[in-house]
Amino acid sequence: MSVTASGTSAAPAAPLARTVRGSGPGLLLAHGAGGSTEANYGPILDGLAAGHTVVGVDWPGTGGSPRATGPLDADELADQLVAAADAEGLDRFALVGFSLGGPVAIRAAARRPERVSALVLTATFAHRDARLDLAARLWGELYASGAHGLLAEFLTLVAFSTEALDGTDPAALRGAIDALAAALPPGTPEHVDLVRRIDVRADLARVQAPTLVVTTTADPLVPPALQRELAARIPGARSVELPTGHLPFAERPAQWQDLITGFLAEHRATA
């Protein structure tokens, strides 16, 4: 089901939508730029909810959340995650961050260490490098130009591994690109702007929760070196590699789910 939670500051001004499923220890989901809880976690939501109270917040301008009236703020998004847990009665919770959701989850874990029982980060970064910055800039400019078909082709190129692209029927691939072009969320400009600005390197040493970093080794968008750098700077972080492009939920959902649930089973939160 989807409900709304009130914001804690002026930006974003409107409440954000959240998805809530399952029961058990708390698990918060932070999604990536241009995605949503359903878009980025849909294939594994039922599996995660089988053992957890899963709460996913949609960033402004995607899913059920209205578009923001100004630039997104990392602290505000981190606070929105914690506020969603509060609204669901979760005193402690695990955090899963995918792509842009990773640095937001890191910020939340660093700000509220007493609340976070475990942290799982996938295909993510603490700061953008030159490749990610260029990709995000092109992403934003193509969206603003209205060339959404071309943007969908670009995103397909940088999101999937070569193996996945080669293994997809051309007609099916064309259909997926067309569907993506039609589904680009209105909050895209704010999302990619935050990708270019967010920097949580100073937060990494403050993360106290047990942490698993899942590196997507065939990722054309977020270089594996950037992901490994993040893992190396979080105290005691465990690192595993998943041979997939930027979208593990599309290429290897069962393996991704197993990595998340296996780690969380070792570090269960109490509601």
Protein backbone atom coordinates (compact mmCIF):
# COMPACT_ATOMS: atom_id res chain seq x y z
CA MET A 1 0.00 0.00 0.00
CA SER A 2 1.05 3.62 -0.36
CA VAL A 3 0.54 6.33 2.24
CA THR A 4 2.14 9.72 2.84
CA ALA A 5 4.43 11.13 5.48
CA SER A 6 4.76 14.80 6.35
CA GLY A 7 8.03 16.53 5.48
CA THR A 8 10.20 18.00 8.20
CA SER A 9 11.40 21.14 6.43
CA ALA A 10 10.51 23.47 3.59
CA ALA A 11 12.10 21.42 0.79
CA PRO A 12 10.45 19.40 -0.49
CA ALA A 13 7.35 21.29 0.63
CA ALA A 14 4.87 18.50 -0.12
CA PRO A 15 4.66 15.17 1.72
CA LEU A 16 6.47 12.21 0.18
CA ALA A 17 4.74 8.95 -0.68
CA ARG A 18 5.90 5.76 0.92
CA THR A 19 5.33 2.09 0.24
CA VAL A 20 4.83 -0.24 3.20
CA ARG A 21 4.79 -4.04 2.99
CA GLY A 22 5.25 -7.02 5.25
CA SER A 23 5.87 -7.35 8.96
CA GLY A 24 8.83 -7.94 11.21
CA PRO A 25 12.07 -6.00 11.75
CA GLY A 26 12.20 -2.63 10.03
CA LEU A 27 13.81 -2.21 6.63
CA LEU A 28 13.98 1.16 4.87
CA LEU A 29 14.60 1.38 1.11
CA ALA A 30 16.24 4.36 -0.62
CA HIS A 31 15.96 4.29 -4.42
CA GLY A 32 18.07 5.72 -7.23
CA ALA A 33 17.82 8.76 -9.49
CA GLY A 34 15.01 8.50 -11.99
CA GLY A 35 13.60 5.50 -10.16
CA SER A 36 11.13 4.87 -7.37
CA THR A 37 10.62 2.25 -4.70
CA GLU A 38 8.62 0.10 -7.10
CA ALA A 39 10.89 0.71 -10.09
CA ASN A 40 14.14 -0.13 -8.28
CA TYR A 41 13.00 -2.74 -5.75
CA GLY A 42 9.82 -4.15 -7.33
CA PRO A 43 11.26 -7.55 -8.31
CA ILE A 44 12.51 -8.18 -4.76
CA LEU A 45 9.90 -6.36 -2.66
CA ASP A 46 7.91 -9.49 -1.85
CA GLY A 47 11.07 -11.35 -0.89
CA LEU A 48 12.21 -8.56 1.41
CA ALA A 49 8.73 -8.18 2.91
CA ALA A 50 8.58 -11.89 3.73
CA GLY A 51 10.73 -11.21 6.78
CA HIS A 52 10.59 -7.44 7.34
CA THR A 53 8.39 -4.41 7.62
CA VAL A 54 9.58 -2.79 4.41
CA VAL A 55 9.20 0.99 4.06
CA GLY A 56 10.26 2.71 0.85
CA VAL A 57 10.11 6.48 0.33
CA ASP A 58 9.68 7.90 -3.19
CA TRP A 59 11.87 10.94 -3.79
CA PRO A 60 10.12 14.10 -5.02
CA GLY A 61 8.86 13.91 -8.56
CA THR A 62 8.64 10.13 -8.82
CA GLY A 63 6.35 7.34 -7.70
CA GLY A 64 3.58 8.92 -5.68
CA SER A 65 5.54 11.98 -4.55
CA PRO A 66 4.96 15.49 -5.97
CA ARG A 67 7.86 17.23 -7.66
CA ALA A 68 9.99 19.51 -5.46
CA THR A 69 9.90 23.25 -6.00
CA GLY A 70 13.67 23.62 -5.66
CA PRO A 71 16.90 21.61 -5.45
CA LEU A 72 16.86 18.45 -3.37
CA ASP A 73 18.74 18.40 -0.08
CA ALA A 74 20.53 15.27 1.15
CA ASP A 75 19.80 16.01 4.80
CA GLU A 76 16.11 16.47 4.05
CA LEU A 77 15.89 13.17 2.18
CA ALA A 78 17.73 11.38 4.98
CA ASP A 79 15.32 12.89 7.48
CA GLN A 80 12.39 11.77 5.32
CA LEU A 81 13.63 8.17 5.60
CA VAL A 82 13.78 8.37 9.38
CA ALA A 83 10.40 10.13 9.51
CA ALA A 84 8.87 7.27 7.51
CA ALA A 85 10.24 4.79 10.07
CA ASP A 86 8.78 6.91 12.86
CA ALA A 87 5.39 6.93 11.16
CA GLU A 88 5.43 3.13 10.98
CA GLY A 89 6.51 2.72 14.61
CA LEU A 90 10.01 1.44 13.82
CA ASP A 91 12.50 2.45 16.50
CA ARG A 92 15.36 0.59 14.81
CA PHE A 93 15.71 -0.46 11.22
CA ALA A 94 18.10 -1.63 8.52
CA LEU A 95 18.75 0.63 5.54
CA VAL A 96 19.21 -0.42 1.91
CA GLY A 97 20.45 2.19 -0.54
CA PHE A 98 20.67 1.73 -4.30
CA SER A 99 22.57 4.20 -6.53
CA LEU A 100 21.61 7.75 -5.41
CA GLY A 101 19.82 6.14 -2.48
CA GLY A 102 23.22 4.99 -1.22
CA PRO A 103 24.65 8.36 -0.19
CA VAL A 104 21.25 9.34 1.24
CA ALA A 105 21.25 6.16 3.34
CA ILE A 106 24.83 6.85 4.42
CA ARG A 107 23.83 10.33 5.54
CA ALA A 108 20.90 8.89 7.54
CA ALA A 109 23.12 6.24 9.15
CA ALA A 110 25.75 8.81 10.10
CA ARG A 111 23.17 11.23 11.53
CA ARG A 112 21.14 8.63 13.45
CA PRO A 113 23.52 5.77 14.34
CA GLU A 114 21.40 4.66 17.29
CA ARG A 115 18.51 3.89 14.92
CA VAL A 116 20.30 1.90 12.20
CA SER A 117 20.96 -1.80 12.75
CA ALA A 118 22.54 -2.56 9.36
CA LEU A 119 23.35 -0.86 6.07
CA VAL A 120 23.39 -2.39 2.58
CA LEU A 121 24.70 -0.29 -0.32
CA THR A 122 24.48 -1.36 -3.96
CA ALA A 123 25.79 0.22 -7.19
CA THR A 124 26.47 3.40 -5.28
CA PHE A 125 28.96 6.12 -4.47
CA ALA A 126 30.01 8.62 -1.81
CA HIS A 127 30.71 11.30 -4.42
CA ARG A 128 30.58 11.54 -8.18
CA ASP A 129 33.69 11.11 -10.29
CA ALA A 130 34.23 12.55 -13.78
CA ARG A 131 32.42 9.68 -15.56
CA LEU A 132 29.36 9.80 -13.31
CA ASP A 133 29.27 13.60 -13.46
CA LEU A 134 29.31 13.56 -17.27
CA ALA A 135 26.61 10.90 -17.42
CA ALA A 136 24.40 12.83 -14.99
CA ARG A 137 24.90 16.07 -16.92
CA LEU A 138 23.91 14.43 -20.21
CA TRP A 139 20.97 12.76 -18.48
CA GLY A 140 19.68 16.11 -17.29
CA GLU A 141 20.30 17.93 -20.57
CA LEU A 142 18.61 15.26 -22.67
CA TYR A 143 15.59 15.33 -20.38
CA ALA A 144 15.38 19.12 -20.55
CA SER A 145 15.66 19.05 -24.35
CA GLY A 146 12.60 16.86 -24.66
CA ALA A 147 14.55 14.17 -26.51
CA HIS A 148 13.20 11.47 -24.21
CA GLY A 149 13.59 8.70 -26.75
CA LEU A 150 17.27 9.49 -27.12
CA LEU A 151 17.59 9.75 -23.33
CA ALA A 152 16.03 6.31 -22.92
CA GLU A 153 18.60 4.88 -25.34
CA PHE A 154 21.41 6.60 -23.41
CA LEU A 155 20.13 5.30 -20.08
CA THR A 156 19.85 1.78 -21.47
CA LEU A 157 23.45 2.02 -22.67
CA VAL A 158 24.79 3.11 -19.26
CA ALA A 159 22.49 0.96 -17.12
CA PHE A 160 22.95 -2.53 -18.54
CA SER A 161 25.97 -4.76 -18.86
CA THR A 162 27.19 -5.79 -22.29
CA GLU A 163 26.12 -9.36 -21.50
CA ALA A 164 22.55 -8.26 -20.75
CA LEU A 165 22.28 -6.16 -23.89
CA ASP A 166 23.68 -8.90 -26.10
CA GLY A 167 21.30 -11.42 -24.54
CA THR A 168 18.14 -9.40 -25.17
CA ASP A 169 16.01 -9.88 -28.27
CA PRO A 170 16.27 -6.70 -30.38
CA ALA A 171 12.49 -6.26 -30.55
CA ALA A 172 12.19 -6.68 -26.79
CA LEU A 173 15.01 -4.22 -26.25
CA ARG A 174 13.32 -1.66 -28.51
CA GLY A 175 10.09 -2.12 -26.61
CA ALA A 176 11.84 -1.63 -23.27
CA ILE A 177 13.51 1.57 -24.50
CA ASP A 178 10.19 2.96 -25.72
CA ALA A 179 8.53 2.10 -22.40
CA LEU A 180 11.33 3.82 -20.50
CA ALA A 181 11.00 6.96 -22.61
CA ALA A 182 7.32 7.14 -21.73
CA ALA A 183 7.91 6.61 -18.02
CA LEU A 184 10.68 9.12 -17.24
CA PRO A 185 9.60 10.81 -13.98
CA PRO A 186 9.11 14.60 -13.78
CA GLY A 187 11.56 14.81 -10.89
CA THR A 188 14.44 13.70 -13.13
CA PRO A 189 16.14 17.14 -13.25
CA GLU A 190 16.30 17.40 -9.46
CA HIS A 191 17.46 13.81 -9.07
CA VAL A 192 20.40 14.10 -11.47
CA ASP A 193 21.30 17.51 -10.07
CA LEU A 194 21.67 15.88 -6.65
CA VAL A 195 23.82 13.11 -8.14
CA ARG A 196 26.22 15.83 -9.27
CA ARG A 197 26.24 17.65 -5.91
CA ILE A 198 25.97 15.04 -3.18
CA ASP A 199 29.16 14.21 -1.30
CA VAL A 200 29.08 12.06 1.84
CA ARG A 201 32.77 11.24 2.12
CA ALA A 202 32.92 12.99 5.48
CA ASP A 203 30.10 10.73 6.74
CA LEU A 204 31.76 7.41 5.92
CA ALA A 205 33.93 7.21 9.04
CA ARG A 206 30.85 8.00 11.16
CA VAL A 207 28.88 4.97 10.00
CA GLN A 208 28.60 2.61 12.96
CA ALA A 209 26.16 0.04 11.57
CA PRO A 210 27.42 -3.23 10.10
CA THR A 211 27.68 -2.51 6.39
CA LEU A 212 27.59 -4.59 3.22
CA VAL A 213 28.70 -2.98 -0.05
CA VAL A 214 27.51 -4.81 -3.16
CA THR A 215 29.72 -3.77 -6.08
CA THR A 216 28.17 -4.14 -9.53
CA THR A 217 31.26 -5.16 -11.46
CA ALA A 218 29.89 -4.63 -15.01
CA ASP A 219 28.41 -1.22 -14.21
CA PRO A 220 28.88 1.37 -16.99
CA LEU A 221 27.34 4.20 -14.92
CA VAL A 222 28.92 4.02 -11.46
CA PRO A 223 32.46 2.70 -11.93
CA PRO A 224 33.31 -0.29 -9.71
CA ALA A 225 36.40 1.60 -8.50
CA LEU A 226 34.14 4.29 -7.06
CA GLN A 227 32.06 1.64 -5.31
CA ARG A 228 35.14 -0.08 -3.88
CA GLU A 229 36.50 3.25 -2.66
CA LEU A 230 33.33 3.74 -0.64
CA ALA A 231 33.59 0.26 0.88
CA ALA A 232 37.19 0.84 1.90
CA ARG A 233 36.31 3.98 3.85
CA ILE A 234 33.42 2.62 5.94
CA PRO A 235 34.80 1.05 9.13
CA GLY A 236 34.49 -2.72 9.04
CA ALA A 237 32.43 -2.80 5.84
CA ARG A 238 32.05 -6.13 4.09
CA SER A 239 32.35 -6.04 0.30
CA VAL A 240 30.91 -8.48 -2.22
CA GLU A 241 30.85 -8.37 -6.01
CA LEU A 242 27.85 -9.00 -8.24
CA PRO A 243 28.54 -9.50 -11.98
CA THR A 244 25.85 -7.19 -13.28
CA GLY A 245 25.34 -3.77 -14.80
CA HIS A 246 23.88 -0.88 -12.84
CA LEU A 247 20.48 -2.55 -12.40
CA PRO A 248 20.80 -5.76 -10.35
CA PHE A 249 17.02 -5.89 -9.95
CA ALA A 250 16.78 -6.31 -13.74
CA GLU A 251 19.78 -8.55 -14.39
CA ARG A 252 20.22 -10.66 -11.23
CA PRO A 253 17.31 -10.01 -8.83
CA ALA A 254 17.44 -13.37 -7.04
CA GLN A 255 21.14 -13.06 -6.28
CA TRP A 256 20.73 -9.46 -5.14
CA GLN A 257 17.86 -10.38 -2.84
CA ASP A 258 19.85 -13.25 -1.35
CA LEU A 259 22.80 -10.98 -0.61
CA ILE A 260 20.55 -8.45 1.14
CA THR A 261 18.46 -10.90 3.16
CA GLY A 262 21.46 -13.01 4.11
CA PHE A 263 23.30 -10.01 5.52
CA LEU A 264 20.23 -8.67 7.29
CA ALA A 265 19.63 -12.06 8.90
CA GLU A 266 22.96 -11.60 10.65
CA HIS A 267 22.04 -8.13 11.90
CA ARG A 268 18.34 -8.14 12.66
CA ALA A 269 16.67 -4.97 13.89
CA THR A 270 13.99 -4.97 16.57
CA ALA A 271 10.90 -2.89 15.85
